[in-house]
């Protein structure tokens, strides 16, 4: 039994280590699958080589009953002094507007999306950064949003 446990743990560690481009990845699960308008989601990460280029991706999980075909999200990248380095309001399509067919990976009620925020972005210096997300829909709370996340990956040539 213990050998199986260690074997499984080793396999999980090996799979995690194989993704050499990943610098940081995390997800916040939203309580009761609601994203409140005043709830800003923040992720902290460290860049150790500002000479490299990075891709920043937003990950989102939503339910089939999400009431809109899209979601507006304002993102901001801040440095360790909370100076905004990049900020933009983006519109992401979650469903086909005409057919209602869900985009993303999944089936049944849950769908996962990964959207590019920035490609080949170069951070100005080594150190700590954060990215924050705000939902910019016209409602106080968005139902059927299960999680929001970020992935920072080094561009590998």
N, C-alpha and C. Protein backbone atom coordinates (compact mmCIF):
# COMPACT_ATOMS: atom_id res chain seq x y z
N UNK A 1 0.83 -1.19 0.00
CA UNK A 1 0.00 0.00 0.00
C UNK A 1 0.87 1.26 0.00
N UNK A 2 1.90 1.28 0.81
CA UNK A 2 2.78 2.45 0.89
C UNK A 2 3.53 2.64 -0.42
N UNK A 3 3.94 1.55 -1.07
CA UNK A 3 4.64 1.65 -2.35
C UNK A 3 3.74 2.28 -3.41
N UNK A 4 2.47 1.91 -3.41
CA UNK A 4 1.54 2.50 -4.37
C UNK A 4 1.39 4.00 -4.12
N UNK A 5 1.31 4.38 -2.86
CA UNK A 5 1.17 5.78 -2.49
C UNK A 5 2.38 6.58 -2.97
N UNK A 6 3.57 6.09 -2.69
CA UNK A 6 4.78 6.80 -3.11
C UNK A 6 4.92 6.81 -4.62
N UNK A 7 4.52 5.73 -5.28
CA UNK A 7 4.56 5.68 -6.74
C UNK A 7 3.64 6.72 -7.35
N UNK A 8 2.44 6.86 -6.80
CA UNK A 8 1.49 7.85 -7.28
C UNK A 8 2.02 9.27 -7.04
N UNK A 9 2.59 9.49 -5.87
CA UNK A 9 3.15 10.79 -5.54
C UNK A 9 4.31 11.14 -6.48
N UNK A 10 5.15 10.16 -6.78
CA UNK A 10 6.26 10.36 -7.70
C UNK A 10 5.75 10.70 -9.10
N UNK A 11 4.72 10.01 -9.55
CA UNK A 11 4.16 10.25 -10.88
C UNK A 11 3.57 11.66 -10.97
N UNK A 12 2.87 12.09 -9.95
CA UNK A 12 2.30 13.44 -9.93
C UNK A 12 3.43 14.48 -9.97
N UNK A 13 4.47 14.27 -9.19
CA UNK A 13 5.61 15.18 -9.18
C UNK A 13 6.31 15.23 -10.53
N UNK A 14 6.42 14.08 -11.18
CA UNK A 14 7.05 14.01 -12.49
C UNK A 14 6.24 14.77 -13.53
N UNK A 15 4.93 14.60 -13.52
CA UNK A 15 4.08 15.32 -14.46
C UNK A 15 4.14 16.82 -14.24
N UNK A 16 4.20 17.22 -12.99
CA UNK A 16 4.28 18.65 -12.66
C UNK A 16 5.61 19.22 -13.14
N UNK A 17 6.67 18.48 -12.99
CA UNK A 17 8.01 18.96 -13.35
C UNK A 17 8.22 19.00 -14.86
N UNK A 18 7.44 18.27 -15.63
CA UNK A 18 7.61 18.21 -17.08
C UNK A 18 7.24 19.51 -17.77
N UNK A 19 6.48 20.33 -17.17
CA UNK A 19 6.04 21.58 -17.77
C UNK A 19 7.07 22.67 -17.46
N UNK A 20 8.16 22.68 -18.23
CA UNK A 20 9.27 23.58 -17.94
C UNK A 20 8.95 25.04 -18.24
N UNK A 21 7.91 25.32 -19.01
CA UNK A 21 7.59 26.71 -19.32
C UNK A 21 6.81 27.39 -18.20
N UNK A 22 6.14 26.62 -17.33
CA UNK A 22 5.32 27.21 -16.28
C UNK A 22 6.19 27.88 -15.22
N UNK A 23 5.90 29.15 -14.96
CA UNK A 23 6.56 29.90 -13.91
C UNK A 23 5.66 29.97 -12.69
N UNK A 24 4.36 30.15 -12.95
CA UNK A 24 3.38 30.28 -11.87
C UNK A 24 2.01 29.90 -12.42
N UNK A 25 1.24 29.22 -11.58
CA UNK A 25 -0.14 28.88 -11.95
C UNK A 25 -0.94 28.69 -10.67
N UNK A 26 -2.09 29.34 -10.62
CA UNK A 26 -2.96 29.20 -9.45
C UNK A 26 -4.39 29.51 -9.85
N UNK A 27 -5.31 28.99 -9.06
CA UNK A 27 -6.74 29.17 -9.30
C UNK A 27 -7.43 29.48 -7.99
N UNK A 28 -8.40 30.37 -8.04
CA UNK A 28 -9.23 30.68 -6.88
C UNK A 28 -10.62 30.13 -7.17
N UNK A 29 -11.11 29.27 -6.29
CA UNK A 29 -12.46 28.73 -6.41
C UNK A 29 -13.42 29.73 -5.77
N UNK A 30 -14.46 30.09 -6.51
CA UNK A 30 -15.41 31.09 -6.02
C UNK A 30 -16.51 30.43 -5.20
N UNK A 31 -16.80 31.02 -4.07
CA UNK A 31 -17.81 30.48 -3.17
C UNK A 31 -19.18 30.46 -3.84
N UNK A 32 -19.83 29.34 -3.75
CA UNK A 32 -21.18 29.14 -4.29
C UNK A 32 -21.28 29.47 -5.78
N UNK A 33 -20.15 29.44 -6.48
CA UNK A 33 -20.10 29.69 -7.92
C UNK A 33 -20.66 31.06 -8.29
N UNK A 34 -20.38 32.05 -7.46
CA UNK A 34 -20.78 33.44 -7.74
C UNK A 34 -19.55 34.32 -7.68
N UNK A 35 -19.42 35.21 -8.67
CA UNK A 35 -18.35 36.19 -8.65
C UNK A 35 -18.99 37.55 -8.39
N UNK A 36 -18.78 38.06 -7.20
CA UNK A 36 -19.36 39.34 -6.80
C UNK A 36 -18.59 40.48 -7.48
N UNK A 37 -19.32 41.52 -7.84
CA UNK A 37 -18.72 42.65 -8.57
C UNK A 37 -17.62 43.34 -7.78
N UNK A 38 -17.75 43.38 -6.47
CA UNK A 38 -16.74 44.05 -5.65
C UNK A 38 -15.64 43.11 -5.16
N UNK A 39 -15.60 41.92 -5.71
CA UNK A 39 -14.62 40.91 -5.30
C UNK A 39 -13.47 40.86 -6.31
N UNK A 40 -12.38 41.53 -6.00
CA UNK A 40 -11.20 41.54 -6.86
C UNK A 40 -10.34 40.33 -6.50
N UNK A 41 -9.97 39.58 -7.51
CA UNK A 41 -9.14 38.38 -7.31
C UNK A 41 -7.70 38.72 -7.66
N UNK A 42 -6.78 38.45 -6.72
CA UNK A 42 -5.38 38.82 -6.87
C UNK A 42 -4.48 37.61 -6.73
N UNK A 43 -3.47 37.56 -7.59
CA UNK A 43 -2.48 36.48 -7.57
C UNK A 43 -1.09 37.11 -7.50
N UNK A 44 -0.24 36.61 -6.60
CA UNK A 44 1.12 37.10 -6.43
C UNK A 44 2.10 36.08 -7.00
N UNK A 45 3.09 36.57 -7.74
CA UNK A 45 4.10 35.68 -8.32
C UNK A 45 5.43 36.41 -8.42
N UNK A 46 6.48 35.66 -8.67
CA UNK A 46 7.84 36.21 -8.74
C UNK A 46 8.45 35.92 -10.10
N UNK A 47 9.09 36.91 -10.66
CA UNK A 47 9.84 36.76 -11.91
C UNK A 47 11.32 36.81 -11.56
N UNK A 48 12.05 35.76 -11.95
CA UNK A 48 13.47 35.70 -11.61
C UNK A 48 14.39 35.99 -12.80
N UNK A 49 13.81 36.21 -13.99
CA UNK A 49 14.64 36.53 -15.14
C UNK A 49 13.87 37.50 -16.05
N UNK A 50 14.11 38.77 -15.90
CA UNK A 50 13.38 39.77 -16.68
C UNK A 50 13.90 39.88 -18.12
N UNK A 51 14.91 39.12 -18.47
CA UNK A 51 15.39 39.10 -19.86
C UNK A 51 14.52 38.18 -20.72
N UNK A 52 13.80 37.25 -20.09
CA UNK A 52 12.93 36.32 -20.82
C UNK A 52 11.60 36.99 -21.17
N UNK A 53 10.90 36.37 -22.09
CA UNK A 53 9.55 36.78 -22.45
C UNK A 53 8.56 35.80 -21.85
N UNK A 54 7.37 36.31 -21.52
CA UNK A 54 6.38 35.51 -20.81
C UNK A 54 5.01 35.65 -21.47
N UNK A 55 4.23 34.58 -21.39
CA UNK A 55 2.83 34.61 -21.76
C UNK A 55 2.02 34.59 -20.48
N UNK A 56 0.98 35.41 -20.42
CA UNK A 56 0.08 35.43 -19.27
C UNK A 56 -1.30 35.01 -19.75
N UNK A 57 -1.86 34.02 -19.07
CA UNK A 57 -3.15 33.46 -19.47
C UNK A 57 -4.14 33.50 -18.32
N UNK A 58 -5.36 33.78 -18.66
CA UNK A 58 -6.46 33.76 -17.71
C UNK A 58 -7.18 32.43 -17.85
N UNK A 59 -7.45 31.76 -16.75
CA UNK A 59 -8.26 30.54 -16.80
C UNK A 59 -9.57 30.80 -16.07
N UNK A 60 -10.63 30.21 -16.61
CA UNK A 60 -11.97 30.43 -16.07
C UNK A 60 -12.78 29.16 -16.23
N UNK A 61 -13.51 28.81 -15.19
CA UNK A 61 -14.46 27.69 -15.26
C UNK A 61 -15.85 28.25 -15.02
N UNK A 62 -16.76 27.92 -15.93
CA UNK A 62 -18.14 28.38 -15.79
C UNK A 62 -19.09 27.21 -16.04
N UNK A 63 -20.30 27.39 -15.55
CA UNK A 63 -21.34 26.39 -15.75
C UNK A 63 -22.14 26.65 -17.01
N UNK A 64 -22.83 25.63 -17.44
CA UNK A 64 -23.67 25.71 -18.65
C UNK A 64 -24.79 26.73 -18.48
N UNK A 65 -25.20 26.97 -17.25
CA UNK A 65 -26.30 27.89 -16.98
C UNK A 65 -25.84 29.34 -16.77
N UNK A 66 -24.58 29.62 -17.06
CA UNK A 66 -24.10 31.00 -17.01
C UNK A 66 -25.02 31.84 -17.90
N UNK A 67 -25.54 32.97 -17.41
CA UNK A 67 -26.62 33.65 -18.12
C UNK A 67 -26.23 34.54 -19.30
N UNK A 68 -24.96 34.60 -19.66
CA UNK A 68 -24.52 35.47 -20.76
C UNK A 68 -23.62 34.66 -21.69
N UNK A 69 -23.42 35.17 -22.89
CA UNK A 69 -22.53 34.47 -23.82
C UNK A 69 -21.08 34.92 -23.65
N UNK A 70 -20.84 35.98 -22.87
CA UNK A 70 -19.50 36.52 -22.71
C UNK A 70 -19.28 36.96 -21.27
N UNK A 71 -18.05 37.40 -21.01
CA UNK A 71 -17.72 37.99 -19.71
C UNK A 71 -16.68 39.08 -19.94
N UNK A 72 -16.92 40.22 -19.32
CA UNK A 72 -15.95 41.32 -19.34
C UNK A 72 -15.12 41.24 -18.07
N UNK A 73 -13.80 41.23 -18.27
CA UNK A 73 -12.88 41.18 -17.13
C UNK A 73 -11.83 42.27 -17.32
N UNK A 74 -11.63 43.03 -16.28
CA UNK A 74 -10.55 44.01 -16.27
C UNK A 74 -9.37 43.38 -15.53
N UNK A 75 -8.23 43.33 -16.19
CA UNK A 75 -7.04 42.80 -15.53
C UNK A 75 -6.01 43.93 -15.37
N UNK A 76 -5.19 43.79 -14.36
CA UNK A 76 -4.09 44.73 -14.15
C UNK A 76 -2.88 43.96 -13.65
N UNK A 77 -1.72 44.31 -14.17
CA UNK A 77 -0.45 43.75 -13.70
C UNK A 77 0.23 44.84 -12.91
N UNK A 78 0.62 44.52 -11.67
CA UNK A 78 1.24 45.49 -10.78
C UNK A 78 2.60 45.00 -10.34
N UNK A 79 3.51 45.94 -10.10
CA UNK A 79 4.81 45.56 -9.57
C UNK A 79 4.77 45.56 -8.04
N UNK A 80 5.91 45.40 -7.42
CA UNK A 80 5.96 45.27 -5.95
C UNK A 80 5.61 46.57 -5.23
N UNK A 81 5.60 47.70 -5.93
CA UNK A 81 5.19 48.97 -5.33
C UNK A 81 3.74 49.31 -5.66
N UNK A 82 3.02 48.36 -6.24
CA UNK A 82 1.63 48.51 -6.68
C UNK A 82 1.45 49.50 -7.82
N UNK A 83 2.52 49.75 -8.56
CA UNK A 83 2.41 50.55 -9.77
C UNK A 83 1.83 49.68 -10.87
N UNK A 84 0.81 50.19 -11.56
CA UNK A 84 0.17 49.43 -12.63
C UNK A 84 1.08 49.47 -13.86
N UNK A 85 1.48 48.28 -14.33
CA UNK A 85 2.33 48.17 -15.50
C UNK A 85 1.54 47.95 -16.78
N UNK A 86 0.41 47.27 -16.65
CA UNK A 86 -0.44 46.98 -17.79
C UNK A 86 -1.86 46.79 -17.27
N UNK A 87 -2.83 47.32 -17.98
CA UNK A 87 -4.23 47.18 -17.56
C UNK A 87 -5.11 47.25 -18.79
N UNK A 88 -6.13 46.40 -18.82
CA UNK A 88 -7.03 46.41 -19.96
C UNK A 88 -8.34 45.74 -19.60
N UNK A 89 -9.42 46.26 -20.16
CA UNK A 89 -10.73 45.63 -20.06
C UNK A 89 -10.89 44.73 -21.27
N UNK A 90 -11.14 43.44 -21.03
CA UNK A 90 -11.23 42.46 -22.12
C UNK A 90 -12.59 41.79 -22.11
N UNK A 91 -13.04 41.42 -23.30
CA UNK A 91 -14.29 40.71 -23.49
C UNK A 91 -13.96 39.30 -23.95
N UNK A 92 -14.37 38.29 -23.19
CA UNK A 92 -14.10 36.89 -23.52
C UNK A 92 -15.41 36.18 -23.83
N UNK A 93 -15.42 35.44 -24.93
CA UNK A 93 -16.61 34.71 -25.37
C UNK A 93 -16.63 33.33 -24.70
N UNK A 94 -17.72 33.02 -24.00
CA UNK A 94 -17.87 31.74 -23.34
C UNK A 94 -18.81 30.80 -24.10
N UNK A 95 -19.72 31.38 -24.87
CA UNK A 95 -20.70 30.62 -25.65
C UNK A 95 -20.81 31.25 -27.03
N UNK A 96 -21.19 30.42 -28.02
CA UNK A 96 -21.48 30.94 -29.34
C UNK A 96 -22.73 31.81 -29.24
N UNK A 97 -22.66 33.00 -29.74
CA UNK A 97 -23.74 33.97 -29.58
C UNK A 97 -25.02 33.54 -30.31
N UNK A 98 -24.88 32.84 -31.42
CA UNK A 98 -26.06 32.43 -32.19
C UNK A 98 -26.65 31.11 -31.72
N UNK A 99 -25.78 30.14 -31.47
CA UNK A 99 -26.28 28.80 -31.15
C UNK A 99 -26.36 28.52 -29.66
N UNK A 100 -25.62 29.28 -28.87
CA UNK A 100 -25.58 29.02 -27.43
C UNK A 100 -24.65 27.88 -27.06
N UNK A 101 -23.95 27.32 -28.06
CA UNK A 101 -23.04 26.21 -27.80
C UNK A 101 -21.85 26.71 -26.97
N UNK A 102 -21.51 26.02 -25.89
CA UNK A 102 -20.41 26.48 -25.04
C UNK A 102 -19.04 26.26 -25.68
N UNK A 103 -18.19 27.26 -25.54
CA UNK A 103 -16.79 27.12 -25.93
C UNK A 103 -16.03 26.53 -24.75
N UNK A 104 -14.77 26.23 -24.95
CA UNK A 104 -13.95 25.70 -23.87
C UNK A 104 -13.96 24.19 -23.84
N UNK A 105 -13.24 23.65 -22.89
CA UNK A 105 -13.17 22.20 -22.71
C UNK A 105 -14.13 21.80 -21.62
N UNK A 106 -14.83 20.72 -21.85
CA UNK A 106 -15.75 20.22 -20.85
C UNK A 106 -16.97 19.60 -21.49
N UNK A 107 -17.83 19.15 -20.65
CA UNK A 107 -19.09 18.58 -21.10
C UNK A 107 -20.06 18.64 -19.93
N UNK A 108 -21.31 18.44 -20.23
CA UNK A 108 -22.30 18.51 -19.16
C UNK A 108 -22.47 19.93 -18.70
N UNK A 109 -22.19 20.19 -17.44
CA UNK A 109 -22.43 21.51 -16.87
C UNK A 109 -21.18 22.36 -16.68
N UNK A 110 -19.98 21.83 -16.78
CA UNK A 110 -18.78 22.58 -16.43
C UNK A 110 -17.84 22.70 -17.64
N UNK A 111 -17.41 23.95 -17.90
CA UNK A 111 -16.53 24.22 -19.04
C UNK A 111 -15.34 25.05 -18.58
N UNK A 112 -14.16 24.68 -19.08
CA UNK A 112 -12.92 25.36 -18.73
C UNK A 112 -12.40 26.12 -19.94
N UNK A 113 -11.91 27.32 -19.68
CA UNK A 113 -11.37 28.18 -20.73
C UNK A 113 -9.99 28.66 -20.31
N UNK A 114 -9.16 28.89 -21.32
CA UNK A 114 -7.87 29.53 -21.07
C UNK A 114 -7.71 30.58 -22.16
N UNK A 115 -7.62 31.84 -21.73
CA UNK A 115 -7.55 32.97 -22.64
C UNK A 115 -6.21 33.67 -22.51
N UNK A 116 -5.64 34.08 -23.65
CA UNK A 116 -4.38 34.83 -23.63
C UNK A 116 -4.66 36.27 -23.20
N UNK A 117 -3.93 36.71 -22.19
CA UNK A 117 -3.97 38.12 -21.79
C UNK A 117 -2.86 38.88 -22.48
N UNK A 118 -1.65 38.38 -22.34
CA UNK A 118 -0.47 38.99 -22.96
C UNK A 118 0.43 37.89 -23.51
N UNK A 119 1.02 38.15 -24.66
CA UNK A 119 1.98 37.20 -25.22
C UNK A 119 3.32 37.91 -25.38
N UNK A 120 4.35 37.15 -25.11
CA UNK A 120 5.73 37.64 -25.19
C UNK A 120 5.91 38.97 -24.44
N UNK A 121 5.40 38.97 -23.22
CA UNK A 121 5.50 40.14 -22.34
C UNK A 121 6.84 40.08 -21.61
N UNK A 122 7.49 41.22 -21.49
CA UNK A 122 8.76 41.27 -20.78
C UNK A 122 8.59 42.15 -19.54
N UNK A 123 8.85 41.57 -18.39
CA UNK A 123 8.75 42.31 -17.14
C UNK A 123 9.95 43.24 -17.02
N UNK A 124 9.77 44.43 -16.42
CA UNK A 124 10.86 45.41 -16.39
C UNK A 124 12.04 45.04 -15.49
N UNK A 125 11.79 44.22 -14.47
CA UNK A 125 12.89 43.84 -13.57
C UNK A 125 12.52 42.56 -12.84
N UNK A 126 13.52 41.92 -12.24
CA UNK A 126 13.27 40.73 -11.43
C UNK A 126 12.56 41.15 -10.15
N UNK A 127 11.68 40.30 -9.67
CA UNK A 127 11.01 40.62 -8.41
C UNK A 127 9.59 40.13 -8.35
N UNK A 128 8.86 40.70 -7.40
CA UNK A 128 7.49 40.28 -7.12
C UNK A 128 6.50 41.11 -7.93
N UNK A 129 5.49 40.42 -8.43
CA UNK A 129 4.43 41.05 -9.21
C UNK A 129 3.11 40.47 -8.75
N UNK A 130 2.04 41.13 -9.19
CA UNK A 130 0.70 40.58 -8.96
C UNK A 130 -0.17 40.89 -10.16
N UNK A 131 -1.14 40.05 -10.34
CA UNK A 131 -2.16 40.29 -11.35
C UNK A 131 -3.50 40.24 -10.64
N UNK A 132 -4.36 41.17 -11.00
CA UNK A 132 -5.67 41.19 -10.36
C UNK A 132 -6.75 41.21 -11.44
N UNK A 133 -7.87 40.58 -11.10
CA UNK A 133 -9.02 40.48 -12.00
C UNK A 133 -10.25 41.08 -11.33
N UNK A 134 -11.03 41.82 -12.12
CA UNK A 134 -12.34 42.30 -11.69
C UNK A 134 -13.32 41.95 -12.78
N UNK A 135 -14.49 41.45 -12.40
CA UNK A 135 -15.52 41.23 -13.41
C UNK A 135 -16.22 42.56 -13.66
N UNK A 136 -16.47 42.87 -14.93
CA UNK A 136 -17.05 44.15 -15.32
C UNK A 136 -18.38 43.97 -16.03
N UNK A 137 -19.20 43.08 -15.53
CA UNK A 137 -20.53 42.90 -16.08
C UNK A 137 -21.47 43.89 -15.38
N UNK A 138 -22.69 43.96 -15.80
CA UNK A 138 -23.63 44.94 -15.25
C UNK A 138 -24.39 44.43 -14.04
N UNK A 139 -23.92 43.38 -13.44
CA UNK A 139 -24.63 42.76 -12.33
C UNK A 139 -23.73 42.72 -11.10
N UNK A 140 -24.34 42.76 -9.94
CA UNK A 140 -23.58 42.68 -8.70
C UNK A 140 -22.92 41.34 -8.51
N UNK A 141 -23.57 40.30 -9.00
CA UNK A 141 -22.97 38.97 -8.88
C UNK A 141 -23.22 38.18 -10.15
N UNK A 142 -22.22 37.43 -10.54
CA UNK A 142 -22.31 36.57 -11.71
C UNK A 142 -22.46 35.13 -11.26
N UNK A 143 -23.59 34.50 -11.55
CA UNK A 143 -23.75 33.10 -11.18
C UNK A 143 -23.03 32.19 -12.17
N UNK A 144 -22.76 30.98 -11.73
CA UNK A 144 -22.18 29.94 -12.58
C UNK A 144 -20.74 30.23 -13.00
N UNK A 145 -20.02 31.03 -12.21
CA UNK A 145 -18.57 31.19 -12.40
C UNK A 145 -17.93 30.45 -11.24
N UNK A 146 -17.28 29.33 -11.56
CA UNK A 146 -16.77 28.43 -10.52
C UNK A 146 -15.37 28.78 -10.06
N UNK A 147 -14.53 29.24 -10.99
CA UNK A 147 -13.16 29.57 -10.59
C UNK A 147 -12.54 30.51 -11.60
N UNK A 148 -11.52 31.20 -11.12
CA UNK A 148 -10.74 32.13 -11.94
C UNK A 148 -9.27 31.89 -11.60
N UNK A 149 -8.43 31.95 -12.62
CA UNK A 149 -7.02 31.67 -12.35
C UNK A 149 -6.09 32.36 -13.32
N UNK A 150 -4.82 32.15 -13.09
CA UNK A 150 -3.78 32.74 -13.93
C UNK A 150 -2.68 31.71 -14.16
N UNK A 151 -2.07 31.83 -15.31
CA UNK A 151 -0.88 31.04 -15.62
C UNK A 151 0.14 31.99 -16.23
N UNK A 152 1.35 31.97 -15.68
CA UNK A 152 2.48 32.72 -16.21
C UNK A 152 3.46 31.69 -16.74
N UNK A 153 3.77 31.78 -18.01
CA UNK A 153 4.69 30.80 -18.59
C UNK A 153 5.78 31.49 -19.39
N UNK A 154 6.97 30.93 -19.26
CA UNK A 154 8.13 31.45 -19.97
C UNK A 154 8.01 31.01 -21.43
N UNK A 155 8.27 31.93 -22.36
CA UNK A 155 8.26 31.58 -23.78
C UNK A 155 9.53 30.78 -24.05
N UNK A 156 9.34 29.56 -24.52
CA UNK A 156 10.46 28.67 -24.80
C UNK A 156 10.63 28.60 -26.31
N UNK A 157 11.81 28.96 -26.77
CA UNK A 157 12.06 28.93 -28.22
C UNK A 157 12.58 27.61 -28.66
